[in-house]
Amino acid sequence: QPGELSVMINENVEAIEQGLSKKLVEL
């Protein structure tokens, strides 16, 4: 669908970034 890939990339990469930064420190 139009815009599906851009939305998917932004959502997932943002989750990966959060997991590798704040969540990793807290763990």
mmCIF file of all heavy atoms, coordinates in Angstrom:
data_MODEL
# 
_entry.id   MODEL 
# 
loop_
_atom_site.group_PDB 
_atom_site.id 
_atom_site.type_symbol 
_atom_site.label_atom_id 
_atom_site.label_alt_id 
_atom_site.label_comp_id 
_atom_site.label_asym_id 
_atom_site.label_entity_id 
_atom_site.label_seq_id 
_atom_site.pdbx_PDB_ins_code 
_atom_site.Cartn_x 
_atom_site.Cartn_y 
_atom_site.Cartn_z 
_atom_site.occupancy 
_atom_site.B_iso_or_equiv 
_atom_site.pdbx_formal_charge 
_atom_site.auth_seq_id 
_atom_site.auth_comp_id 
_atom_site.auth_asym_id 
_atom_site.auth_atom_id 
_atom_site.pdbx_PDB_model_num 
ATOM 1   N N   . GLN A 1 1  ? 0.836  -1.189 0.000  1.00 0.00 ? 1  GLN A N   1 
ATOM 2   C CA  . GLN A 1 1  ? 0.000  0.000  0.000  1.00 0.00 ? 1  GLN A CA  1 
ATOM 3   C C   . GLN A 1 1  ? 0.884  1.258  0.000  1.00 0.00 ? 1  GLN A C   1 
ATOM 4   O O   . GLN A 1 1  ? 2.017  1.216  0.482  1.00 0.00 ? 1  GLN A O   1 
ATOM 5   C CB  . GLN A 1 1  ? -0.922 0.019  1.226  1.00 0.00 ? 1  GLN A CB  1 
ATOM 6   C CG  . GLN A 1 1  ? -1.913 -1.124 1.277  1.00 0.00 ? 1  GLN A CG  1 
ATOM 7   C CD  . GLN A 1 1  ? -2.923 -1.060 0.154  1.00 0.00 ? 1  GLN A CD  1 
ATOM 8   O OE1 . GLN A 1 1  ? -3.304 0.033  -0.293 1.00 0.00 ? 1  GLN A OE1 1 
ATOM 9   N NE2 . GLN A 1 1  ? -3.367 -2.217 -0.317 1.00 0.00 ? 1  GLN A NE2 1 
ATOM 10  N N   . PRO A 1 2  ? 0.386  2.375  -0.532 1.00 0.00 ? 2  PRO A N   1 
ATOM 11  C CA  . PRO A 1 2  ? 1.170  3.622  -0.513 1.00 0.00 ? 2  PRO A CA  1 
ATOM 12  C C   . PRO A 1 2  ? 1.524  4.045  0.921  1.00 0.00 ? 2  PRO A C   1 
ATOM 13  O O   . PRO A 1 2  ? 0.654  4.147  1.778  1.00 0.00 ? 2  PRO A O   1 
ATOM 14  C CB  . PRO A 1 2  ? 0.244  4.639  -1.179 1.00 0.00 ? 2  PRO A CB  1 
ATOM 15  C CG  . PRO A 1 2  ? -0.687 3.823  -2.017 1.00 0.00 ? 2  PRO A CG  1 
ATOM 16  C CD  . PRO A 1 2  ? -0.885 2.532  -1.268 1.00 0.00 ? 2  PRO A CD  1 
ATOM 17  N N   . GLY A 1 3  ? 2.780  4.272  1.160  1.00 0.00 ? 3  GLY A N   1 
ATOM 18  C CA  . GLY A 1 3  ? 3.223  4.711  2.484  1.00 0.00 ? 3  GLY A CA  1 
ATOM 19  C C   . GLY A 1 3  ? 3.461  3.592  3.473  1.00 0.00 ? 3  GLY A C   1 
ATOM 20  O O   . GLY A 1 3  ? 3.918  3.846  4.594  1.00 0.00 ? 3  GLY A O   1 
ATOM 21  N N   . GLU A 1 4  ? 3.161  2.336  3.097  1.00 0.00 ? 4  GLU A N   1 
ATOM 22  C CA  . GLU A 1 4  ? 3.299  1.234  4.055  1.00 0.00 ? 4  GLU A CA  1 
ATOM 23  C C   . GLU A 1 4  ? 4.750  1.008  4.450  1.00 0.00 ? 4  GLU A C   1 
ATOM 24  O O   . GLU A 1 4  ? 5.065  0.810  5.628  1.00 0.00 ? 4  GLU A O   1 
ATOM 25  C CB  . GLU A 1 4  ? 2.714  -0.042 3.454  1.00 0.00 ? 4  GLU A CB  1 
ATOM 26  C CG  . GLU A 1 4  ? 2.806  -1.253 4.389  1.00 0.00 ? 4  GLU A CG  1 
ATOM 27  C CD  . GLU A 1 4  ? 2.215  -2.509 3.769  1.00 0.00 ? 4  GLU A CD  1 
ATOM 28  O OE1 . GLU A 1 4  ? 1.615  -2.404 2.683  1.00 0.00 ? 4  GLU A OE1 1 
ATOM 29  O OE2 . GLU A 1 4  ? 2.354  -3.582 4.382  1.00 0.00 ? 4  GLU A OE2 1 
ATOM 30  N N   . LEU A 1 5  ? 5.653  1.037  3.481  1.00 0.00 ? 5  LEU A N   1 
ATOM 31  C CA  . LEU A 1 5  ? 7.058  0.769  3.778  1.00 0.00 ? 5  LEU A CA  1 
ATOM 32  C C   . LEU A 1 5  ? 7.673  1.863  4.645  1.00 0.00 ? 5  LEU A C   1 
ATOM 33  O O   . LEU A 1 5  ? 8.427  1.577  5.578  1.00 0.00 ? 5  LEU A O   1 
ATOM 34  C CB  . LEU A 1 5  ? 7.846  0.630  2.469  1.00 0.00 ? 5  LEU A CB  1 
ATOM 35  C CG  . LEU A 1 5  ? 7.568  -0.636 1.658  1.00 0.00 ? 5  LEU A CG  1 
ATOM 36  C CD1 . LEU A 1 5  ? 8.329  -0.591 0.344  1.00 0.00 ? 5  LEU A CD1 1 
ATOM 37  C CD2 . LEU A 1 5  ? 7.945  -1.876 2.445  1.00 0.00 ? 5  LEU A CD2 1 
ATOM 38  N N   . SER A 1 6  ? 7.366  3.120  4.331  1.00 0.00 ? 6  SER A N   1 
ATOM 39  C CA  . SER A 1 6  ? 7.945  4.216  5.119  1.00 0.00 ? 6  SER A CA  1 
ATOM 40  C C   . SER A 1 6  ? 7.453  4.177  6.558  1.00 0.00 ? 6  SER A C   1 
ATOM 41  O O   . SER A 1 6  ? 8.229  4.383  7.498  1.00 0.00 ? 6  SER A O   1 
ATOM 42  C CB  . SER A 1 6  ? 7.611  5.559  4.471  1.00 0.00 ? 6  SER A CB  1 
ATOM 43  O OG  . SER A 1 6  ? 6.207  5.751  4.402  1.00 0.00 ? 6  SER A OG  1 
ATOM 44  N N   . VAL A 1 7  ? 6.161  3.906  6.744  1.00 0.00 ? 7  VAL A N   1 
ATOM 45  C CA  . VAL A 1 7  ? 5.622  3.822  8.103  1.00 0.00 ? 7  VAL A CA  1 
ATOM 46  C C   . VAL A 1 7  ? 6.245  2.655  8.851  1.00 0.00 ? 7  VAL A C   1 
ATOM 47  O O   . VAL A 1 7  ? 6.629  2.769  10.023 1.00 0.00 ? 7  VAL A O   1 
ATOM 48  C CB  . VAL A 1 7  ? 4.082  3.685  8.063  1.00 0.00 ? 7  VAL A CB  1 
ATOM 49  C CG1 . VAL A 1 7  ? 3.539  3.432  9.465  1.00 0.00 ? 7  VAL A CG1 1 
ATOM 50  C CG2 . VAL A 1 7  ? 3.462  4.941  7.479  1.00 0.00 ? 7  VAL A CG2 1 
ATOM 51  N N   . MET A 1 8  ? 6.364  1.517  8.164  1.00 0.00 ? 8  MET A N   1 
ATOM 52  C CA  . MET A 1 8  ? 6.936  0.333  8.795  1.00 0.00 ? 8  MET A CA  1 
ATOM 53  C C   . MET A 1 8  ? 8.383  0.553  9.208  1.00 0.00 ? 8  MET A C   1 
ATOM 54  O O   . MET A 1 8  ? 8.794  0.197  10.318 1.00 0.00 ? 8  MET A O   1 
ATOM 55  C CB  . MET A 1 8  ? 6.821  -0.852 7.838  1.00 0.00 ? 8  MET A CB  1 
ATOM 56  C CG  . MET A 1 8  ? 7.385  -2.163 8.385  1.00 0.00 ? 8  MET A CG  1 
ATOM 57  S SD  . MET A 1 8  ? 9.121  -2.395 7.969  1.00 0.00 ? 8  MET A SD  1 
ATOM 58  C CE  . MET A 1 8  ? 8.997  -2.495 6.178  1.00 0.00 ? 8  MET A CE  1 
ATOM 59  N N   . ILE A 1 9  ? 9.170  1.155  8.324  1.00 0.00 ? 9  ILE A N   1 
ATOM 60  C CA  . ILE A 1 9  ? 10.576 1.386  8.638  1.00 0.00 ? 9  ILE A CA  1 
ATOM 61  C C   . ILE A 1 9  ? 10.723 2.341  9.819  1.00 0.00 ? 9  ILE A C   1 
ATOM 62  O O   . ILE A 1 9  ? 11.498 2.105  10.747 1.00 0.00 ? 9  ILE A O   1 
ATOM 63  C CB  . ILE A 1 9  ? 11.310 1.927  7.395  1.00 0.00 ? 9  ILE A CB  1 
ATOM 64  C CG1 . ILE A 1 9  ? 11.363 0.852  6.310  1.00 0.00 ? 9  ILE A CG1 1 
ATOM 65  C CG2 . ILE A 1 9  ? 12.713 2.394  7.759  1.00 0.00 ? 9  ILE A CG2 1 
ATOM 66  C CD1 . ILE A 1 9  ? 11.943 1.341  5.009  1.00 0.00 ? 9  ILE A CD1 1 
ATOM 67  N N   . ASN A 1 10 ? 9.967  3.435  9.802  1.00 0.00 ? 10 ASN A N   1 
ATOM 68  C CA  . ASN A 1 10 ? 10.076 4.408  10.884 1.00 0.00 ? 10 ASN A CA  1 
ATOM 69  C C   . ASN A 1 10 ? 9.666  3.816  12.220 1.00 0.00 ? 10 ASN A C   1 
ATOM 70  O O   . ASN A 1 10 ? 10.335 4.022  13.247 1.00 0.00 ? 10 ASN A O   1 
ATOM 71  C CB  . ASN A 1 10 ? 9.214  5.636  10.574 1.00 0.00 ? 10 ASN A CB  1 
ATOM 72  C CG  . ASN A 1 10 ? 9.768  6.462  9.430  1.00 0.00 ? 10 ASN A CG  1 
ATOM 73  O OD1 . ASN A 1 10 ? 10.973 6.493  9.210  1.00 0.00 ? 10 ASN A OD1 1 
ATOM 74  N ND2 . ASN A 1 10 ? 8.892  7.129  8.692  1.00 0.00 ? 10 ASN A ND2 1 
ATOM 75  N N   . GLU A 1 11 ? 8.569  3.056  12.240 1.00 0.00 ? 11 GLU A N   1 
ATOM 76  C CA  . GLU A 1 11 ? 8.090  2.474  13.487 1.00 0.00 ? 11 GLU A CA  1 
ATOM 77  C C   . GLU A 1 11 ? 9.086  1.462  14.042 1.00 0.00 ? 11 GLU A C   1 
ATOM 78  O O   . GLU A 1 11 ? 9.439  1.493  15.219 1.00 0.00 ? 11 GLU A O   1 
ATOM 79  C CB  . GLU A 1 11 ? 6.734  1.802  13.263 1.00 0.00 ? 11 GLU A CB  1 
ATOM 80  C CG  . GLU A 1 11 ? 5.579  2.757  13.039 1.00 0.00 ? 11 GLU A CG  1 
ATOM 81  C CD  . GLU A 1 11 ? 5.153  3.453  14.315 1.00 0.00 ? 11 GLU A CD  1 
ATOM 82  O OE1 . GLU A 1 11 ? 5.448  2.924  15.401 1.00 0.00 ? 11 GLU A OE1 1 
ATOM 83  O OE2 . GLU A 1 11 ? 4.528  4.519  14.226 1.00 0.00 ? 11 GLU A OE2 1 
ATOM 84  N N   . ASN A 1 12 ? 9.563  0.548  13.180 1.00 0.00 ? 12 ASN A N   1 
ATOM 85  C CA  . ASN A 1 12 ? 10.430 -0.527 13.661 1.00 0.00 ? 12 ASN A CA  1 
ATOM 86  C C   . ASN A 1 12 ? 11.821 -0.029 14.021 1.00 0.00 ? 12 ASN A C   1 
ATOM 87  O O   . ASN A 1 12 ? 12.397 -0.455 15.020 1.00 0.00 ? 12 ASN A O   1 
ATOM 88  C CB  . ASN A 1 12 ? 10.527 -1.623 12.595 1.00 0.00 ? 12 ASN A CB  1 
ATOM 89  C CG  . ASN A 1 12 ? 9.222  -2.388 12.449 1.00 0.00 ? 12 ASN A CG  1 
ATOM 90  O OD1 . ASN A 1 12 ? 8.505  -2.588 13.419 1.00 0.00 ? 12 ASN A OD1 1 
ATOM 91  N ND2 . ASN A 1 12 ? 8.900  -2.805 11.241 1.00 0.00 ? 12 ASN A ND2 1 
ATOM 92  N N   . VAL A 1 13 ? 12.373 0.860  13.212 1.00 0.00 ? 13 VAL A N   1 
ATOM 93  C CA  . VAL A 1 13 ? 13.712 1.366  13.514 1.00 0.00 ? 13 VAL A CA  1 
ATOM 94  C C   . VAL A 1 13 ? 13.689 2.207  14.790 1.00 0.00 ? 13 VAL A C   1 
ATOM 95  O O   . VAL A 1 13 ? 14.635 2.178  15.582 1.00 0.00 ? 13 VAL A O   1 
ATOM 96  C CB  . VAL A 1 13 ? 14.263 2.177  12.330 1.00 0.00 ? 13 VAL A CB  1 
ATOM 97  C CG1 . VAL A 1 13 ? 15.581 2.843  12.692 1.00 0.00 ? 13 VAL A CG1 1 
ATOM 98  C CG2 . VAL A 1 13 ? 14.460 1.268  11.122 1.00 0.00 ? 13 VAL A CG2 1 
ATOM 99  N N   . GLU A 1 14 ? 12.611 2.928  15.003 1.00 0.00 ? 14 GLU A N   1 
ATOM 100 C CA  . GLU A 1 14 ? 12.488 3.694  16.243 1.00 0.00 ? 14 GLU A CA  1 
ATOM 101 C C   . GLU A 1 14 ? 12.442 2.769  17.456 1.00 0.00 ? 14 GLU A C   1 
ATOM 102 O O   . GLU A 1 14 ? 13.037 3.064  18.499 1.00 0.00 ? 14 GLU A O   1 
ATOM 103 C CB  . GLU A 1 14 ? 11.233 4.562  16.195 1.00 0.00 ? 14 GLU A CB  1 
ATOM 104 C CG  . GLU A 1 14 ? 11.071 5.465  17.414 1.00 0.00 ? 14 GLU A CG  1 
ATOM 105 C CD  . GLU A 1 14 ? 9.844  6.356  17.300 1.00 0.00 ? 14 GLU A CD  1 
ATOM 106 O OE1 . GLU A 1 14 ? 9.287  6.472  16.188 1.00 0.00 ? 14 GLU A OE1 1 
ATOM 107 O OE2 . GLU A 1 14 ? 9.457  6.952  18.320 1.00 0.00 ? 14 GLU A OE2 1 
ATOM 108 N N   . ALA A 1 15 ? 11.742 1.638  17.313 1.00 0.00 ? 15 ALA A N   1 
ATOM 109 C CA  . ALA A 1 15 ? 11.695 0.668  18.409 1.00 0.00 ? 15 ALA A CA  1 
ATOM 110 C C   . ALA A 1 15 ? 13.071 0.049  18.652 1.00 0.00 ? 15 ALA A C   1 
ATOM 111 O O   . ALA A 1 15 ? 13.475 -0.164 19.808 1.00 0.00 ? 15 ALA A O   1 
ATOM 112 C CB  . ALA A 1 15 ? 10.672 -0.424 18.094 1.00 0.00 ? 15 ALA A CB  1 
ATOM 113 N N   . ILE A 1 16 ? 13.801 -0.243 17.583 1.00 0.00 ? 16 ILE A N   1 
ATOM 114 C CA  . ILE A 1 16 ? 15.157 -0.786 17.726 1.00 0.00 ? 16 ILE A CA  1 
ATOM 115 C C   . ILE A 1 16 ? 16.068 0.229  18.410 1.00 0.00 ? 16 ILE A C   1 
ATOM 116 O O   . ILE A 1 16 ? 16.855 -0.115 19.301 1.00 0.00 ? 16 ILE A O   1 
ATOM 117 C CB  . ILE A 1 16 ? 15.713 -1.168 16.343 1.00 0.00 ? 16 ILE A CB  1 
ATOM 118 C CG1 . ILE A 1 16 ? 14.916 -2.337 15.756 1.00 0.00 ? 16 ILE A CG1 1 
ATOM 119 C CG2 . ILE A 1 16 ? 17.195 -1.540 16.445 1.00 0.00 ? 16 ILE A CG2 1 
ATOM 120 C CD1 . ILE A 1 16 ? 15.263 -2.644 14.320 1.00 0.00 ? 16 ILE A CD1 1 
ATOM 121 N N   . GLU A 1 17 ? 15.957 1.482  17.998 1.00 0.00 ? 17 GLU A N   1 
ATOM 122 C CA  . GLU A 1 17 ? 16.783 2.534  18.608 1.00 0.00 ? 17 GLU A CA  1 
ATOM 123 C C   . GLU A 1 17 ? 16.495 2.668  20.095 1.00 0.00 ? 17 GLU A C   1 
ATOM 124 O O   . GLU A 1 17 ? 17.419 2.809  20.907 1.00 0.00 ? 17 GLU A O   1 
ATOM 125 C CB  . GLU A 1 17 ? 16.521 3.856  17.896 1.00 0.00 ? 17 GLU A CB  1 
ATOM 126 C CG  . GLU A 1 17 ? 17.322 5.019  18.441 1.00 0.00 ? 17 GLU A CG  1 
ATOM 127 C CD  . GLU A 1 17 ? 17.003 6.317  17.725 1.00 0.00 ? 17 GLU A CD  1 
ATOM 128 O OE1 . GLU A 1 17 ? 16.428 6.259  16.618 1.00 0.00 ? 17 GLU A OE1 1 
ATOM 129 O OE2 . GLU A 1 17 ? 17.331 7.387  18.273 1.00 0.00 ? 17 GLU A OE2 1 
ATOM 130 N N   . GLN A 1 18 ? 15.232 2.614  20.465 1.00 0.00 ? 18 GLN A N   1 
ATOM 131 C CA  . GLN A 1 18 ? 14.879 2.713  21.880 1.00 0.00 ? 18 GLN A CA  1 
ATOM 132 C C   . GLN A 1 18 ? 15.392 1.513  22.666 1.00 0.00 ? 18 GLN A C   1 
ATOM 133 O O   . GLN A 1 18 ? 15.858 1.645  23.799 1.00 0.00 ? 18 GLN A O   1 
ATOM 134 C CB  . GLN A 1 18 ? 13.364 2.833  22.033 1.00 0.00 ? 18 GLN A CB  1 
ATOM 135 C CG  . GLN A 1 18 ? 12.917 3.072  23.471 1.00 0.00 ? 18 GLN A CG  1 
ATOM 136 C CD  . GLN A 1 18 ? 11.413 3.226  23.579 1.00 0.00 ? 18 GLN A CD  1 
ATOM 137 O OE1 . GLN A 1 18 ? 10.681 2.953  22.633 1.00 0.00 ? 18 GLN A OE1 1 
ATOM 138 N NE2 . GLN A 1 18 ? 10.949 3.649  24.733 1.00 0.00 ? 18 GLN A NE2 1 
ATOM 139 N N   . GLY A 1 19 ? 15.323 0.324  22.054 1.00 0.00 ? 19 GLY A N   1 
ATOM 140 C CA  . GLY A 1 19 ? 15.800 -0.863 22.740 1.00 0.00 ? 19 GLY A CA  1 
ATOM 141 C C   . GLY A 1 19 ? 17.298 -0.878 22.933 1.00 0.00 ? 19 GLY A C   1 
ATOM 142 O O   . GLY A 1 19 ? 17.803 -1.420 23.926 1.00 0.00 ? 19 GLY A O   1 
ATOM 143 N N   . LEU A 1 20 ? 18.034 -0.278 22.005 1.00 0.00 ? 20 LEU A N   1 
ATOM 144 C CA  . LEU A 1 20 ? 19.488 -0.243 22.105 1.00 0.00 ? 20 LEU A CA  1 
ATOM 145 C C   . LEU A 1 20 ? 20.001 0.906  22.952 1.00 0.00 ? 20 LEU A C   1 
ATOM 146 O O   . LEU A 1 20 ? 21.209 0.985  23.195 1.00 0.00 ? 20 LEU A O   1 
ATOM 147 C CB  . LEU A 1 20 ? 20.105 -0.145 20.700 1.00 0.00 ? 20 LEU A CB  1 
ATOM 148 C CG  . LEU A 1 20 ? 19.919 -1.356 19.789 1.00 0.00 ? 20 LEU A CG  1 
ATOM 149 C CD1 . LEU A 1 20 ? 20.494 -1.071 18.404 1.00 0.00 ? 20 LEU A CD1 1 
ATOM 150 C CD2 . LEU A 1 20 ? 20.551 -2.598 20.390 1.00 0.00 ? 20 LEU A CD2 1 
ATOM 151 N N   . SER A 1 21 ? 19.140 1.788  23.386 1.00 0.00 ? 21 SER A N   1 
ATOM 152 C CA  . SER A 1 21 ? 19.587 2.941  24.174 1.00 0.00 ? 21 SER A CA  1 
ATOM 153 C C   . SER A 1 21 ? 18.993 2.889  25.577 1.00 0.00 ? 21 SER A C   1 
ATOM 154 O O   . SER A 1 21 ? 19.590 2.316  26.500 1.00 0.00 ? 21 SER A O   1 
ATOM 155 C CB  . SER A 1 21 ? 19.203 4.242  23.469 1.00 0.00 ? 21 SER A CB  1 
ATOM 156 O OG  . SER A 1 21 ? 17.796 4.274  23.213 1.00 0.00 ? 21 SER A OG  1 
ATOM 157 N N   . LYS A 1 22 ? 17.816 3.467  25.755 1.00 0.00 ? 22 LYS A N   1 
ATOM 158 C CA  . LYS A 1 22 ? 17.228 3.593  27.078 1.00 0.00 ? 22 LYS A CA  1 
ATOM 159 C C   . LYS A 1 22 ? 16.933 2.252  27.724 1.00 0.00 ? 22 LYS A C   1 
ATOM 160 O O   . LYS A 1 22 ? 17.267 2.015  28.891 1.00 0.00 ? 22 LYS A O   1 
ATOM 161 C CB  . LYS A 1 22 ? 15.943 4.425  26.982 1.00 0.00 ? 22 LYS A CB  1 
ATOM 162 C CG  . LYS A 1 22 ? 15.206 4.577  28.300 1.00 0.00 ? 22 LYS A CG  1 
ATOM 163 C CD  . LYS A 1 22 ? 13.915 5.358  28.104 1.00 0.00 ? 22 LYS A CD  1 
ATOM 164 C CE  . LYS A 1 22 ? 13.133 5.435  29.417 1.00 0.00 ? 22 LYS A CE  1 
ATOM 165 N NZ  . LYS A 1 22 ? 11.858 6.153  29.231 1.00 0.00 ? 22 LYS A NZ  1 
ATOM 166 N N   . LYS A 1 23 ? 16.325 1.344  26.976 1.00 0.00 ? 23 LYS A N   1 
ATOM 167 C CA  . LYS A 1 23 ? 15.946 0.055  27.543 1.00 0.00 ? 23 LYS A CA  1 
ATOM 168 C C   . LYS A 1 23 ? 17.164 -0.778 27.917 1.00 0.00 ? 23 LYS A C   1 
ATOM 169 O O   . LYS A 1 23 ? 17.146 -1.492 28.921 1.00 0.00 ? 23 LYS A O   1 
ATOM 170 C CB  . LYS A 1 23 ? 15.064 -0.718 26.558 1.00 0.00 ? 23 LYS A CB  1 
ATOM 171 C CG  . LYS A 1 23 ? 13.750 -0.027 26.241 1.00 0.00 ? 23 LYS A CG  1 
ATOM 172 C CD  . LYS A 1 23 ? 12.911 0.196  27.487 1.00 0.00 ? 23 LYS A CD  1 
ATOM 173 C CE  . LYS A 1 23 ? 11.593 0.867  27.153 1.00 0.00 ? 23 LYS A CE  1 
ATOM 174 N NZ  . LYS A 1 23 ? 10.771 1.137  28.362 1.00 0.00 ? 23 LYS A NZ  1 
ATOM 175 N N   . LEU A 1 24 ? 18.218 -0.690 27.118 1.00 0.00 ? 24 LEU A N   1 
ATOM 176 C CA  . LEU A 1 24 ? 19.437 -1.440 27.432 1.00 0.00 ? 24 LEU A CA  1 
ATOM 177 C C   . LEU A 1 24 ? 20.086 -0.917 28.698 1.00 0.00 ? 24 LEU A C   1 
ATOM 178 O O   . LEU A 1 24 ? 20.574 -1.696 29.529 1.00 0.00 ? 24 LEU A O   1 
ATOM 179 C CB  . LEU A 1 24 ? 20.403 -1.365 26.255 1.00 0.00 ? 24 LEU A CB  1 
ATOM 180 C CG  . LEU A 1 24 ? 21.696 -2.168 26.394 1.00 0.00 ? 24 LEU A CG  1 
ATOM 181 C CD1 . LEU A 1 24 ? 21.390 -3.642 26.625 1.00 0.00 ? 24 LEU A CD1 1 
ATOM 182 C CD2 . LEU A 1 24 ? 22.567 -1.990 25.147 1.00 0.00 ? 24 LEU A CD2 1 
ATOM 183 N N   . VAL A 1 25 ? 20.108 0.402  28.864 1.00 0.00 ? 25 VAL A N   1 
ATOM 184 C CA  . VAL A 1 25 ? 20.665 0.982  30.090 1.00 0.00 ? 25 VAL A CA  1 
ATOM 185 C C   . VAL A 1 25 ? 19.859 0.528  31.304 1.00 0.00 ? 25 VAL A C   1 
ATOM 186 O O   . VAL A 1 25 ? 20.422 0.124  32.331 1.00 0.00 ? 25 VAL A O   1 
ATOM 187 C CB  . VAL A 1 25 ? 20.670 2.525  30.001 1.00 0.00 ? 25 VAL A CB  1 
ATOM 188 C CG1 . VAL A 1 25 ? 21.119 3.134  31.331 1.00 0.00 ? 25 VAL A CG1 1 
ATOM 189 C CG2 . VAL A 1 25 ? 21.589 2.990  28.892 1.00 0.00 ? 25 VAL A CG2 1 
ATOM 190 N N   . GLU A 1 26 ? 18.543 0.569  31.195 1.00 0.00 ? 26 GLU A N   1 
ATOM 191 C CA  . GLU A 1 26 ? 17.697 0.151  32.307 1.00 0.00 ? 26 GLU A CA  1 
ATOM 192 C C   . GLU A 1 26 ? 17.874 -1.323 32.634 1.00 0.00 ? 26 GLU A C   1 
ATOM 193 O O   . GLU A 1 26 ? 17.835 -1.721 33.803 1.00 0.00 ? 26 GLU A O   1 
ATOM 194 C CB  . GLU A 1 26 ? 16.233 0.450  31.973 1.00 0.00 ? 26 GLU A CB  1 
ATOM 195 C CG  . GLU A 1 26 ? 15.927 1.943  31.863 1.00 0.00 ? 26 GLU A CG  1 
ATOM 196 C CD  . GLU A 1 26 ? 14.501 2.203  31.421 1.00 0.00 ? 26 GLU A CD  1 
ATOM 197 O OE1 . GLU A 1 26 ? 13.807 1.230  31.031 1.00 0.00 ? 26 GLU A OE1 1 
ATOM 198 O OE2 . GLU A 1 26 ? 14.065 3.369  31.464 1.00 0.00 ? 26 GLU A OE2 1 
ATOM 199 N N   . LEU A 1 27 ? 18.070 -2.163 31.611 1.00 0.00 ? 27 LEU A N   1 
ATOM 200 C CA  . LEU A 1 27 ? 18.270 -3.592 31.839 1.00 0.00 ? 27 LEU A CA  1 
ATOM 201 C C   . LEU A 1 27 ? 19.551 -3.855 32.608 1.00 0.00 ? 27 LEU A C   1 
ATOM 202 O O   . LEU A 1 27 ? 19.555 -4.576 33.615 1.00 0.00 ? 27 LEU A O   1 
ATOM 203 C CB  . LEU A 1 27 ? 18.299 -4.331 30.497 1.00 0.00 ? 27 LEU A CB  1 
ATOM 204 C CG  . LEU A 1 27 ? 18.655 -5.823 30.560 1.00 0.00 ? 27 LEU A CG  1 
ATOM 205 C CD1 . LEU A 1 27 ? 17.608 -6.590 31.356 1.00 0.00 ? 27 LEU A CD1 1 
ATOM 206 C CD2 . LEU A 1 27 ? 18.804 -6.398 29.162 1.00 0.00 ? 27 LEU A CD2 1 
# 
